[in-house]
Amino acid sequence: MVTETLQYFVFFCRPAYSAILVKCLIINVLRFILAIPFFTAFLNITYTARHTWATTAYYCEIHPGIISEAMGHSSITVTETYLKPFRSKKIDEANKQVLDFVKRSVMGASA
């Protein structure tokens, strides 16, 4: 009978200890899960700030080599990869200026 009591005693103590351990593990996992969005948001904010600066510098007609060095890129080609989409916008603006000039020239000649 004594052995049976000890077995039950061990049986009842073990789940209590395991419950505390499981509770601690769950809390740690929840902390980790909550840390992921904050870390992702931090990366997003820094990424946005860096590339906003680079885009603004590009529109201010700062040489891509200087932008590349400021961004810490390994070469200018890496920086130019990010700036390519903005080049088409500049080409569109240049085309618009040329068309406006041609329209004014034609209107001025016909008037």
N, C-alpha and C. Protein backbone atom coordinates (compact mmCIF):
# COMPACT_ATOMS: atom_id res chain seq x y z
N MET A 1 0.79 -1.20 0.00
CA MET A 1 0.00 0.00 0.00
C MET A 1 0.84 1.27 0.00
N VAL A 2 1.91 1.23 0.68
CA VAL A 2 2.78 2.41 0.72
C VAL A 2 3.32 2.70 -0.67
N THR A 3 3.70 1.68 -1.40
CA THR A 3 4.23 1.90 -2.74
C THR A 3 3.16 2.47 -3.67
N GLU A 4 1.93 2.01 -3.48
CA GLU A 4 0.86 2.56 -4.31
C GLU A 4 0.66 4.04 -4.02
N THR A 5 0.72 4.41 -2.79
CA THR A 5 0.57 5.82 -2.42
C THR A 5 1.69 6.65 -3.01
N LEU A 6 2.93 6.14 -2.95
CA LEU A 6 4.04 6.87 -3.53
C LEU A 6 3.91 6.99 -5.04
N GLN A 7 3.43 5.95 -5.67
CA GLN A 7 3.25 6.03 -7.12
C GLN A 7 2.22 7.09 -7.48
N TYR A 8 1.15 7.12 -6.75
CA TYR A 8 0.14 8.13 -7.03
C TYR A 8 0.67 9.53 -6.71
N PHE A 9 1.47 9.61 -5.66
CA PHE A 9 2.03 10.90 -5.28
C PHE A 9 2.93 11.42 -6.41
N VAL A 10 3.78 10.55 -6.95
CA VAL A 10 4.64 10.93 -8.05
C VAL A 10 3.80 11.28 -9.28
N PHE A 11 2.78 10.52 -9.51
CA PHE A 11 1.89 10.76 -10.65
C PHE A 11 1.23 12.14 -10.56
N PHE A 12 0.81 12.52 -9.36
CA PHE A 12 0.13 13.82 -9.21
C PHE A 12 1.12 14.98 -9.24
N CYS A 13 2.33 14.77 -8.78
CA CYS A 13 3.31 15.86 -8.78
C CYS A 13 3.85 16.12 -10.18
N ARG A 14 4.00 15.09 -10.94
CA ARG A 14 4.58 15.23 -12.26
C ARG A 14 3.74 16.15 -13.18
N PRO A 15 2.46 15.93 -13.26
CA PRO A 15 1.68 16.83 -14.11
C PRO A 15 1.73 18.28 -13.64
N ALA A 16 1.82 18.50 -12.35
CA ALA A 16 1.90 19.88 -11.85
C ALA A 16 3.20 20.51 -12.33
N TYR A 17 4.29 19.79 -12.26
CA TYR A 17 5.57 20.31 -12.74
C TYR A 17 5.54 20.51 -14.25
N SER A 18 4.97 19.55 -14.96
CA SER A 18 4.87 19.65 -16.41
C SER A 18 3.98 20.81 -16.81
N ALA A 19 2.93 21.03 -16.05
CA ALA A 19 2.03 22.14 -16.35
C ALA A 19 2.75 23.47 -16.25
N ILE A 20 3.60 23.61 -15.24
CA ILE A 20 4.38 24.86 -15.09
C ILE A 20 5.34 25.01 -16.26
N LEU A 21 6.00 23.91 -16.62
CA LEU A 21 6.93 23.93 -17.73
C LEU A 21 6.22 24.28 -19.04
N VAL A 22 5.10 23.64 -19.27
CA VAL A 22 4.33 23.90 -20.49
C VAL A 22 3.86 25.36 -20.52
N LYS A 23 3.42 25.86 -19.37
CA LYS A 23 2.97 27.25 -19.28
C LYS A 23 4.12 28.19 -19.65
N CYS A 24 5.31 27.92 -19.13
CA CYS A 24 6.47 28.75 -19.45
C CYS A 24 6.81 28.67 -20.93
N LEU A 25 6.75 27.48 -21.48
CA LEU A 25 7.05 27.33 -22.91
C LEU A 25 6.03 28.07 -23.77
N ILE A 26 4.77 27.97 -23.40
CA ILE A 26 3.72 28.67 -24.16
C ILE A 26 3.94 30.18 -24.10
N ILE A 27 4.28 30.69 -22.92
CA ILE A 27 4.52 32.13 -22.77
C ILE A 27 5.69 32.55 -23.64
N ASN A 28 6.76 31.74 -23.63
CA ASN A 28 7.93 32.08 -24.46
C ASN A 28 7.60 32.04 -25.95
N VAL A 29 6.81 31.06 -26.37
CA VAL A 29 6.41 30.98 -27.78
C VAL A 29 5.54 32.18 -28.14
N LEU A 30 4.63 32.56 -27.26
CA LEU A 30 3.79 33.73 -27.53
C LEU A 30 4.63 35.00 -27.62
N ARG A 31 5.63 35.13 -26.76
CA ARG A 31 6.52 36.29 -26.83
C ARG A 31 7.25 36.32 -28.17
N PHE A 32 7.70 35.16 -28.60
CA PHE A 32 8.40 35.07 -29.88
C PHE A 32 7.46 35.44 -31.03
N ILE A 33 6.24 34.92 -30.98
CA ILE A 33 5.26 35.22 -32.03
C ILE A 33 4.95 36.71 -32.07
N LEU A 34 4.87 37.35 -30.92
CA LEU A 34 4.61 38.78 -30.87
C LEU A 34 5.81 39.59 -31.33
N ALA A 35 7.00 39.07 -31.15
CA ALA A 35 8.21 39.80 -31.56
C ALA A 35 8.35 39.84 -33.08
N ILE A 36 7.84 38.84 -33.76
CA ILE A 36 8.00 38.77 -35.22
C ILE A 36 7.38 39.97 -35.93
N PRO A 37 6.12 40.36 -35.64
CA PRO A 37 5.57 41.53 -36.34
C PRO A 37 6.32 42.83 -36.04
N PHE A 38 6.80 42.98 -34.79
CA PHE A 38 7.55 44.18 -34.46
C PHE A 38 8.87 44.24 -35.22
N PHE A 39 9.53 43.10 -35.34
CA PHE A 39 10.79 43.04 -36.09
C PHE A 39 10.53 43.31 -37.57
N THR A 40 9.47 42.74 -38.10
CA THR A 40 9.11 42.96 -39.50
C THR A 40 8.78 44.43 -39.75
N ALA A 41 8.04 45.04 -38.83
CA ALA A 41 7.71 46.46 -38.97
C ALA A 41 8.96 47.31 -38.93
N PHE A 42 9.91 46.97 -38.05
CA PHE A 42 11.16 47.72 -37.97
C PHE A 42 11.91 47.64 -39.30
N LEU A 43 11.98 46.43 -39.87
CA LEU A 43 12.66 46.27 -41.15
C LEU A 43 11.97 47.06 -42.25
N ASN A 44 10.65 47.05 -42.23
CA ASN A 44 9.87 47.79 -43.22
C ASN A 44 10.12 49.28 -43.14
N ILE A 45 10.14 49.80 -41.91
CA ILE A 45 10.34 51.24 -41.72
C ILE A 45 11.72 51.66 -42.21
N THR A 46 12.75 50.88 -41.86
CA THR A 46 14.10 51.25 -42.29
C THR A 46 14.24 51.10 -43.80
N TYR A 47 13.63 50.08 -44.38
CA TYR A 47 13.68 49.89 -45.83
C TYR A 47 13.02 51.08 -46.53
N THR A 48 11.85 51.46 -46.05
CA THR A 48 11.12 52.57 -46.65
C THR A 48 11.90 53.87 -46.54
N ALA A 49 12.48 54.12 -45.38
CA ALA A 49 13.24 55.36 -45.18
C ALA A 49 14.45 55.41 -46.11
N ARG A 50 15.18 54.30 -46.22
CA ARG A 50 16.36 54.26 -47.09
C ARG A 50 16.00 54.52 -48.54
N HIS A 51 14.96 53.84 -49.01
CA HIS A 51 14.62 53.96 -50.42
C HIS A 51 13.88 55.25 -50.74
N THR A 52 13.23 55.83 -49.76
CA THR A 52 12.64 57.16 -49.96
C THR A 52 13.77 58.18 -50.14
N TRP A 53 14.81 58.05 -49.31
CA TRP A 53 15.95 58.94 -49.43
C TRP A 53 16.60 58.79 -50.81
N ALA A 54 16.81 57.55 -51.23
CA ALA A 54 17.47 57.30 -52.52
C ALA A 54 16.64 57.84 -53.68
N THR A 55 15.34 57.66 -53.62
CA THR A 55 14.46 58.15 -54.68
C THR A 55 14.47 59.68 -54.73
N THR A 56 14.41 60.29 -53.56
CA THR A 56 14.45 61.75 -53.49
C THR A 56 15.78 62.27 -54.03
N ALA A 57 16.86 61.61 -53.66
CA ALA A 57 18.18 62.01 -54.16
C ALA A 57 18.23 61.87 -55.68
N TYR A 58 17.64 60.83 -56.20
CA TYR A 58 17.62 60.62 -57.65
C TYR A 58 16.85 61.74 -58.35
N TYR A 59 15.70 62.12 -57.78
CA TYR A 59 14.91 63.20 -58.38
C TYR A 59 15.61 64.55 -58.24
N CYS A 60 16.50 64.67 -57.25
CA CYS A 60 17.31 65.90 -57.11
C CYS A 60 18.52 65.86 -58.04
N GLU A 61 18.58 64.84 -58.89
CA GLU A 61 19.63 64.65 -59.89
C GLU A 61 21.01 64.47 -59.28
N ILE A 62 21.06 63.78 -58.14
CA ILE A 62 22.33 63.40 -57.53
C ILE A 62 22.83 62.17 -58.28
N HIS A 63 24.11 62.14 -58.56
CA HIS A 63 24.70 61.06 -59.35
C HIS A 63 24.44 59.71 -58.69
N PRO A 64 24.04 58.70 -59.47
CA PRO A 64 23.78 57.37 -58.91
C PRO A 64 24.97 56.77 -58.16
N GLY A 65 26.19 57.16 -58.50
CA GLY A 65 27.36 56.67 -57.77
C GLY A 65 27.36 57.13 -56.33
N ILE A 66 26.96 58.37 -56.11
CA ILE A 66 26.90 58.90 -54.74
C ILE A 66 25.76 58.23 -53.99
N ILE A 67 24.62 58.05 -54.66
CA ILE A 67 23.49 57.36 -54.02
C ILE A 67 23.89 55.94 -53.66
N SER A 68 24.60 55.27 -54.58
CA SER A 68 25.04 53.89 -54.35
C SER A 68 25.94 53.80 -53.12
N GLU A 69 26.87 54.74 -53.04
CA GLU A 69 27.79 54.73 -51.89
C GLU A 69 27.05 55.02 -50.59
N ALA A 70 26.12 55.96 -50.63
CA ALA A 70 25.34 56.30 -49.43
C ALA A 70 24.48 55.13 -48.97
N MET A 71 23.97 54.36 -49.94
CA MET A 71 23.12 53.22 -49.59
C MET A 71 23.94 52.01 -49.15
N GLY A 72 25.25 52.04 -49.43
CA GLY A 72 26.09 50.91 -49.06
C GLY A 72 26.00 49.75 -50.03
N HIS A 73 25.58 50.02 -51.26
CA HIS A 73 25.50 48.97 -52.27
C HIS A 73 26.89 48.60 -52.74
N SER A 74 27.02 47.37 -53.22
CA SER A 74 28.33 46.88 -53.67
C SER A 74 28.76 47.52 -54.98
N SER A 75 27.81 47.95 -55.79
CA SER A 75 28.15 48.60 -57.06
C SER A 75 27.00 49.51 -57.49
N ILE A 76 27.30 50.33 -58.49
CA ILE A 76 26.28 51.25 -59.00
C ILE A 76 25.15 50.47 -59.68
N THR A 77 25.47 49.31 -60.26
CA THR A 77 24.44 48.53 -60.97
C THR A 77 23.33 48.08 -60.01
N VAL A 78 23.68 47.82 -58.76
CA VAL A 78 22.65 47.44 -57.78
C VAL A 78 21.71 48.63 -57.57
N THR A 79 22.27 49.81 -57.41
CA THR A 79 21.45 51.01 -57.21
C THR A 79 20.60 51.29 -58.44
N GLU A 80 21.20 51.13 -59.61
CA GLU A 80 20.46 51.40 -60.85
C GLU A 80 19.30 50.43 -61.03
N THR A 81 19.42 49.23 -60.47
CA THR A 81 18.31 48.28 -60.54
C THR A 81 17.07 48.86 -59.85
N TYR A 82 17.29 49.53 -58.72
CA TYR A 82 16.17 50.14 -57.99
C TYR A 82 15.67 51.40 -58.68
N LEU A 83 16.55 52.10 -59.37
CA LEU A 83 16.18 53.38 -59.97
C LEU A 83 15.60 53.25 -61.37
N LYS A 84 15.68 52.08 -62.01
CA LYS A 84 15.17 51.90 -63.37
C LYS A 84 13.71 52.29 -63.54
N PRO A 85 12.82 51.91 -62.62
CA PRO A 85 11.41 52.28 -62.83
C PRO A 85 11.20 53.80 -62.88
N PHE A 86 12.08 54.55 -62.22
CA PHE A 86 11.91 56.00 -62.20
C PHE A 86 12.42 56.64 -63.48
N ARG A 87 13.30 55.94 -64.19
CA ARG A 87 13.83 56.48 -65.45
C ARG A 87 12.72 56.63 -66.48
N SER A 88 11.80 55.66 -66.54
CA SER A 88 10.71 55.75 -67.51
C SER A 88 9.85 56.98 -67.23
N LYS A 89 9.72 57.33 -65.97
CA LYS A 89 8.96 58.53 -65.62
C LYS A 89 9.67 59.78 -66.15
N LYS A 90 10.99 59.80 -66.03
CA LYS A 90 11.74 60.94 -66.55
C LYS A 90 11.65 61.00 -68.08
N ILE A 91 11.67 59.85 -68.73
CA ILE A 91 11.53 59.80 -70.19
C ILE A 91 10.15 60.31 -70.59
N ASP A 92 9.11 59.92 -69.84
CA ASP A 92 7.76 60.42 -70.12
C ASP A 92 7.71 61.94 -69.98
N GLU A 93 8.36 62.48 -68.96
CA GLU A 93 8.39 63.94 -68.77
C GLU A 93 9.12 64.62 -69.92
N ALA A 94 10.24 64.02 -70.36
CA ALA A 94 11.00 64.59 -71.48
C ALA A 94 10.17 64.56 -72.75
N ASN A 95 9.47 63.45 -73.00
CA ASN A 95 8.60 63.36 -74.19
C ASN A 95 7.50 64.41 -74.14
N LYS A 96 6.95 64.64 -72.98
CA LYS A 96 5.89 65.64 -72.83
C LYS A 96 6.43 67.04 -73.15
N GLN A 97 7.65 67.32 -72.67
CA GLN A 97 8.25 68.63 -72.95
C GLN A 97 8.50 68.80 -74.45
N VAL A 98 8.98 67.75 -75.10
CA VAL A 98 9.22 67.82 -76.54
C VAL A 98 7.91 68.04 -77.29
N LEU A 99 6.87 67.28 -76.91
CA LEU A 99 5.56 67.44 -77.57
C LEU A 99 4.99 68.83 -77.35
N ASP A 100 5.14 69.36 -76.14
CA ASP A 100 4.66 70.72 -75.87
C ASP A 100 5.41 71.74 -76.73
N PHE A 101 6.71 71.53 -76.87
CA PHE A 101 7.52 72.43 -77.71
C PHE A 101 7.06 72.37 -79.17
N VAL A 102 6.84 71.15 -79.66
CA VAL A 102 6.39 70.99 -81.05
C VAL A 102 5.02 71.64 -81.24
N LYS A 103 4.11 71.44 -80.29
CA LYS A 103 2.77 72.04 -80.39
C LYS A 103 2.88 73.57 -80.41
N ARG A 104 3.71 74.13 -79.57
CA ARG A 104 3.86 75.59 -79.55
C ARG A 104 4.47 76.09 -80.84
N SER A 105 5.43 75.31 -81.37
CA SER A 105 6.08 75.71 -82.64
C SER A 105 5.09 75.69 -83.79
N VAL A 106 4.26 74.64 -83.83
CA VAL A 106 3.26 74.51 -84.90
C VAL A 106 2.21 75.60 -84.74
N MET A 107 1.74 75.83 -83.53
CA MET A 107 0.72 76.86 -83.30
C MET A 107 1.28 78.25 -83.62
N GLY A 108 2.57 78.45 -83.23
CA GLY A 108 3.19 79.77 -83.50
C GLY A 108 3.37 80.01 -84.99
N ALA A 109 3.68 78.95 -85.76
CA ALA A 109 3.91 79.07 -87.19
C ALA A 109 2.59 79.30 -87.93
N SER A 110 1.51 78.71 -87.44
CA SER A 110 0.22 78.84 -88.12
C SER A 110 -0.50 80.12 -87.73
N ALA A 111 -0.08 80.79 -86.69
CA ALA A 111 -0.78 82.00 -86.25
C ALA A 111 -0.35 83.23 -86.96
